Amino acid sequence: MAKRVQLAAVWAGPVFFVLYLVGFAGFARFVPPPAPWWSAAKVAAVITDHAIQIRVGMVLGLVATTLLIAFFGVISIQIARIERGLSLLAVMQFGGAVLLVVFFQLCGMLWAAATFRSELDPSVIRMLNDLSWLTFVMVFPGYVLQLCCIALASFADRSALPLWPRWVGYLNLWVALSGAGGGIAVFFKHGPFAWNGLIGFYLPIVAFVIWIAVMTYYLHTGISRQFDARGDDEATVDSTQAIRDSSPNKTQHRETGVAK
């Protein structure tokens, strides 16, 4: 049972990506993104003309991004298993994941709100669109923190068959660096650093696609290997023990025992 739950959480990542792509690009038609230099009238026309499609796409996006909680949750379980102690990396990784999901959903709600009232002034619609896109590409620190935690965990794994090969750790660092490209989008309305530019939008998206494919493969194979080699019951106990070892109460108990 535990094996199936963890593998289902792993595959929640690719399912998220497919659903979000359908909502974001298929329904909302946000690829390619609307340009930052568009006039208020043009932005308002595009959004009001496709209001229903954008609403459907954003609702689908809300559902899709929730799946990331499961995906990043199983990553934290595996980080805790590697650390076998007070798993600060696992906690920080999941904290960054919560921020990522919140901001994903905030963007969706802002885009949906821009379509809600057809009588809105075009400048207000453009402001909501600006806020959505700048949030979408600029809120990178939590995402970078997550990937750095995963990279450090992969470097710290000294087992005979590590979950993530060392090169996957370096891949996480590269994806973290590429994901920070949109962080200066607020200073540009034209060029590669704008929210519709090569560095501001397309490079982080391509890097994320590569990352989620690689992470899904190694999580699936690694978790399957853990359960197949040790048996479902023993692997379940191992994962549960990793979580218990990372709890503050467990650490406090150990420290009390040492003091005695």
Protein backbone atom coordinates (compact mmCIF):
# COMPACT_ATOMS: atom_id res chain seq x y z
CA MET A 1 0.00 0.00 0.00
CA ALA A 2 2.73 2.47 0.98
CA LYS A 3 4.59 1.77 -2.24
CA ARG A 4 1.51 2.56 -4.32
CA VAL A 5 0.90 5.78 -2.39
CA GLN A 6 4.45 7.02 -2.89
CA LEU A 7 4.49 6.11 -6.58
CA ALA A 8 1.13 7.81 -7.06
CA ALA A 9 2.62 10.93 -5.47
CA VAL A 10 5.57 10.70 -7.87
CA TRP A 11 3.31 10.57 -10.91
CA ALA A 12 1.28 13.50 -9.59
CA GLY A 13 4.16 15.66 -10.91
CA PRO A 14 3.79 14.77 -14.60
CA VAL A 15 -0.01 14.82 -14.29
CA PHE A 16 0.25 18.34 -12.89
CA PHE A 17 2.35 19.43 -15.86
CA VAL A 18 -0.03 17.98 -18.46
CA LEU A 19 -3.14 19.45 -16.82
CA TYR A 20 -1.51 22.83 -16.28
CA LEU A 21 -0.28 22.93 -19.86
CA VAL A 22 -3.80 22.19 -21.12
CA GLY A 23 -5.26 24.95 -18.95
CA PHE A 24 -2.48 27.51 -19.40
CA ALA A 25 -1.67 27.07 -23.09
CA GLY A 26 -4.69 25.20 -24.43
CA PHE A 27 -7.62 27.04 -22.87
CA ALA A 28 -6.15 30.35 -21.68
CA ARG A 29 -3.82 30.69 -24.70
CA PHE A 30 -1.04 32.20 -22.59
CA VAL A 31 1.69 30.75 -24.81
CA PRO A 32 3.16 32.87 -26.23
CA PRO A 33 2.55 35.32 -23.37
CA PRO A 34 0.96 38.72 -24.03
CA ALA A 35 3.70 41.31 -24.37
CA PRO A 36 4.42 43.69 -21.48
CA TRP A 37 4.39 46.68 -23.84
CA TRP A 38 0.84 46.12 -25.07
CA SER A 39 -1.59 48.96 -24.53
CA ALA A 40 -4.33 48.68 -21.92
CA ALA A 41 -6.95 48.49 -24.68
CA LYS A 42 -5.19 45.56 -26.39
CA VAL A 43 -4.69 43.62 -23.17
CA ALA A 44 -8.32 44.17 -22.18
CA ALA A 45 -9.52 43.08 -25.62
CA VAL A 46 -7.54 39.83 -25.52
CA ILE A 47 -8.70 38.96 -22.01
CA THR A 48 -12.37 39.85 -22.49
CA ASP A 49 -12.54 38.10 -25.88
CA HIS A 50 -11.30 34.85 -24.30
CA ALA A 51 -12.85 35.30 -20.85
CA ILE A 52 -14.57 31.89 -20.69
CA GLN A 53 -11.50 30.01 -21.94
CA ILE A 54 -9.29 31.81 -19.41
CA ARG A 55 -11.66 30.99 -16.56
CA VAL A 56 -11.74 27.31 -17.52
CA GLY A 57 -7.96 27.25 -17.88
CA MET A 58 -7.39 28.87 -14.50
CA VAL A 59 -9.82 26.53 -12.69
CA LEU A 60 -7.98 23.61 -14.28
CA GLY A 61 -4.73 25.21 -13.16
CA LEU A 62 -5.96 25.40 -9.56
CA VAL A 63 -6.64 21.67 -9.61
CA ALA A 64 -3.35 20.88 -11.32
CA THR A 65 -1.12 22.88 -8.99
CA THR A 66 -2.59 21.14 -5.94
CA LEU A 67 -0.99 17.92 -7.21
CA LEU A 68 2.42 19.48 -6.62
CA ILE A 69 1.86 19.07 -2.88
CA ALA A 70 1.95 15.29 -3.34
CA PHE A 71 4.95 15.42 -5.69
CA PHE A 72 7.08 17.64 -3.46
CA GLY A 73 5.84 15.76 -0.39
CA VAL A 74 7.33 12.48 -1.61
CA ILE A 75 10.56 14.32 -2.43
CA SER A 76 10.73 15.49 1.18
CA ILE A 77 10.08 11.93 2.39
CA GLN A 78 13.07 10.75 0.37
CA ILE A 79 15.28 13.61 1.57
CA ALA A 80 14.41 12.69 5.17
CA ARG A 81 15.30 9.10 4.41
CA ILE A 82 18.73 10.21 3.14
CA GLU A 83 19.46 12.49 6.10
CA ARG A 84 18.28 10.07 8.83
CA GLY A 85 18.06 12.71 11.52
CA LEU A 86 16.72 16.18 11.99
CA SER A 87 15.83 16.64 8.32
CA LEU A 88 16.10 20.38 7.89
CA LEU A 89 16.55 20.03 4.13
CA ALA A 90 13.27 18.10 3.87
CA VAL A 91 11.41 20.74 5.88
CA MET A 92 12.86 23.63 3.88
CA GLN A 93 12.13 21.88 0.59
CA PHE A 94 8.49 21.34 1.48
CA GLY A 95 8.17 24.89 2.82
CA GLY A 96 9.37 26.19 -0.53
CA ALA A 97 6.87 23.89 -2.25
CA VAL A 98 3.99 25.39 -0.28
CA LEU A 99 5.07 28.87 -1.35
CA LEU A 100 5.29 27.73 -4.98
CA VAL A 101 1.78 26.28 -4.94
CA VAL A 102 0.36 29.38 -3.25
CA PHE A 103 1.85 31.71 -5.85
CA PHE A 104 0.80 29.45 -8.73
CA GLN A 105 -2.77 29.59 -7.45
CA LEU A 106 -2.60 33.32 -6.75
CA CYS A 107 -1.66 33.92 -10.41
CA GLY A 108 -4.61 31.83 -11.53
CA MET A 109 -7.02 33.71 -9.31
CA LEU A 110 -5.76 37.10 -10.53
CA TRP A 111 -6.14 36.09 -14.18
CA ALA A 112 -9.64 34.76 -13.44
CA ALA A 113 -10.54 37.98 -11.61
CA ALA A 114 -9.47 40.01 -14.67
CA THR A 115 -12.22 38.23 -16.67
CA PHE A 116 -14.94 38.42 -14.01
CA ARG A 117 -16.46 41.82 -14.82
CA SER A 118 -16.70 42.94 -18.43
CA GLU A 119 -17.23 46.56 -17.36
CA LEU A 120 -13.78 46.85 -15.78
CA ASP A 121 -11.67 49.71 -17.04
CA PRO A 122 -8.95 48.48 -19.46
CA SER A 123 -6.24 49.93 -17.22
CA VAL A 124 -7.50 47.84 -14.31
CA ILE A 125 -7.51 44.69 -16.45
CA ARG A 126 -3.96 45.42 -17.56
CA MET A 127 -2.90 45.97 -13.95
CA LEU A 128 -4.30 42.57 -12.95
CA ASN A 129 -2.56 41.00 -15.94
CA ASP A 130 0.73 42.72 -15.02
CA LEU A 131 0.48 41.52 -11.43
CA SER A 132 -0.26 37.97 -12.57
CA TRP A 133 2.64 37.74 -15.00
CA LEU A 134 5.16 39.43 -12.73
CA THR A 135 4.19 37.07 -9.91
CA PHE A 136 4.38 34.10 -12.26
CA VAL A 137 7.97 34.76 -13.38
CA MET A 138 9.48 36.70 -10.46
CA VAL A 139 8.67 34.66 -7.35
CA PHE A 140 11.74 32.45 -7.68
CA PRO A 141 13.51 32.41 -4.26
CA GLY A 142 11.38 29.61 -2.75
CA TYR A 143 11.74 27.55 -5.94
CA VAL A 144 15.53 28.04 -5.89
CA LEU A 145 15.59 27.01 -2.22
CA GLN A 146 13.73 23.79 -3.02
CA LEU A 147 16.11 22.76 -5.77
CA CYS A 148 19.18 23.61 -3.70
CA CYS A 149 17.85 21.38 -0.89
CA ILE A 150 17.36 18.51 -3.35
CA ALA A 151 20.87 19.05 -4.73
CA LEU A 152 22.42 19.00 -1.25
CA ALA A 153 20.51 15.83 -0.38
CA SER A 154 21.76 14.11 -3.54
CA PHE A 155 25.34 15.09 -2.69
CA ALA A 156 24.90 13.78 0.88
CA ASP A 157 23.53 10.38 -0.16
CA ARG A 158 26.37 7.91 0.50
CA SER A 159 24.36 4.74 -0.03
CA ALA A 160 25.50 2.05 -2.44
CA LEU A 161 22.65 2.89 -4.81
CA PRO A 162 21.81 6.58 -4.25
CA LEU A 163 18.31 7.72 -5.12
CA TRP A 164 19.63 10.59 -7.23
CA PRO A 165 22.97 10.30 -9.05
CA ARG A 166 25.37 13.14 -8.40
CA TRP A 167 24.69 14.67 -11.83
CA VAL A 168 21.01 15.04 -10.87
CA GLY A 169 22.15 17.27 -8.02
CA TYR A 170 24.01 19.47 -10.47
CA LEU A 171 20.94 19.45 -12.74
CA ASN A 172 18.89 20.82 -9.84
CA LEU A 173 21.39 23.63 -9.38
CA TRP A 174 21.26 24.46 -13.10
CA VAL A 175 17.45 24.49 -13.09
CA ALA A 176 17.51 26.70 -9.99
CA LEU A 177 19.80 29.15 -11.79
CA SER A 178 17.63 29.17 -14.92
CA GLY A 179 14.49 29.62 -12.82
CA ALA A 180 15.89 32.83 -11.39
CA GLY A 181 15.96 34.41 -14.86
CA GLY A 182 12.54 36.00 -14.45
CA GLY A 183 13.51 37.65 -11.19
CA ILE A 184 14.39 40.92 -12.90
CA ALA A 185 11.42 40.98 -15.27
CA VAL A 186 10.04 44.03 -13.47
CA PHE A 187 12.87 46.10 -14.98
CA PHE A 188 12.16 45.12 -18.60
CA LYS A 189 9.25 45.44 -21.01
CA HIS A 190 11.29 44.29 -24.02
CA GLY A 191 14.05 41.77 -24.61
CA PRO A 192 15.08 38.38 -23.18
CA PHE A 193 14.54 39.33 -19.53
CA ALA A 194 10.92 40.47 -19.98
CA TRP A 195 8.15 38.14 -18.82
CA ASN A 196 7.70 36.93 -22.41
CA GLY A 197 11.42 36.74 -23.18
CA LEU A 198 13.86 33.90 -23.70
CA ILE A 199 15.40 34.12 -20.21
CA GLY A 200 12.34 35.45 -18.41
CA PHE A 201 9.92 32.77 -19.66
CA TYR A 202 11.06 30.15 -22.18
CA LEU A 203 14.34 28.99 -20.59
CA PRO A 204 12.79 28.39 -17.13
CA ILE A 205 9.90 26.47 -18.74
CA VAL A 206 12.21 24.22 -20.77
CA ALA A 207 14.43 23.65 -17.74
CA PHE A 208 11.38 22.73 -15.62
CA VAL A 209 10.19 20.20 -18.22
CA ILE A 210 13.60 18.51 -18.21
CA TRP A 211 13.71 18.61 -14.41
CA ILE A 212 10.30 17.07 -13.81
CA ALA A 213 11.02 14.27 -16.32
CA VAL A 214 14.36 13.41 -14.69
CA MET A 215 13.02 13.64 -11.14
CA THR A 216 10.00 11.48 -11.98
CA TYR A 217 12.20 8.76 -13.49
CA TYR A 218 14.65 8.58 -10.59
CA LEU A 219 11.96 8.84 -7.92
CA HIS A 220 9.95 6.05 -9.55
CA THR A 221 12.90 3.72 -10.03
CA GLY A 222 14.42 4.54 -6.64
CA ILE A 223 11.24 4.06 -4.62
CA SER A 224 10.43 0.85 -6.49
CA ARG A 225 13.93 -0.43 -5.73
CA GLN A 226 13.58 0.43 -2.04
CA PHE A 227 10.35 -1.51 -1.62
CA ASP A 228 11.32 -4.43 -3.87
CA ALA A 229 14.67 -4.95 -2.15
CA ARG A 230 13.45 -4.70 1.44
CA GLY A 231 9.78 -5.63 1.25
CA ASP A 232 6.80 -3.33 1.57
CA ASP A 233 6.54 -3.52 5.36
CA GLU A 234 10.21 -2.90 6.06
CA ALA A 235 10.45 -0.04 3.54
CA THR A 236 7.36 1.53 5.06
CA VAL A 237 8.90 1.38 8.51
CA ASP A 238 12.11 2.89 7.12
CA SER A 239 10.27 5.86 5.58
CA THR A 240 8.17 6.36 8.72
CA GLN A 241 11.25 6.24 10.91
CA ALA A 242 12.93 8.90 8.74
CA ILE A 243 9.98 11.21 9.35
CA ARG A 244 9.95 10.50 13.09
CA ASP A 245 13.69 11.11 13.33
CA SER A 246 13.21 14.53 11.75
CA SER A 247 10.57 15.63 14.28
CA PRO A 248 11.51 18.16 17.00
CA ASN A 249 10.14 15.91 19.78
CA LYS A 250 12.40 13.07 18.72
CA THR A 251 15.42 15.34 18.68
CA GLN A 252 14.53 16.78 22.09
CA HIS A 253 14.16 13.27 23.50
CA ARG A 254 17.60 12.34 22.20
CA GLU A 255 19.17 15.44 23.68
CA THR A 256 17.51 14.73 27.04
CA GLY A 257 18.82 11.18 26.96
CA VAL A 258 22.35 12.39 26.30
CA ALA A 259 22.09 14.88 29.17
CA LYS A 260 21.09 12.12 31.55
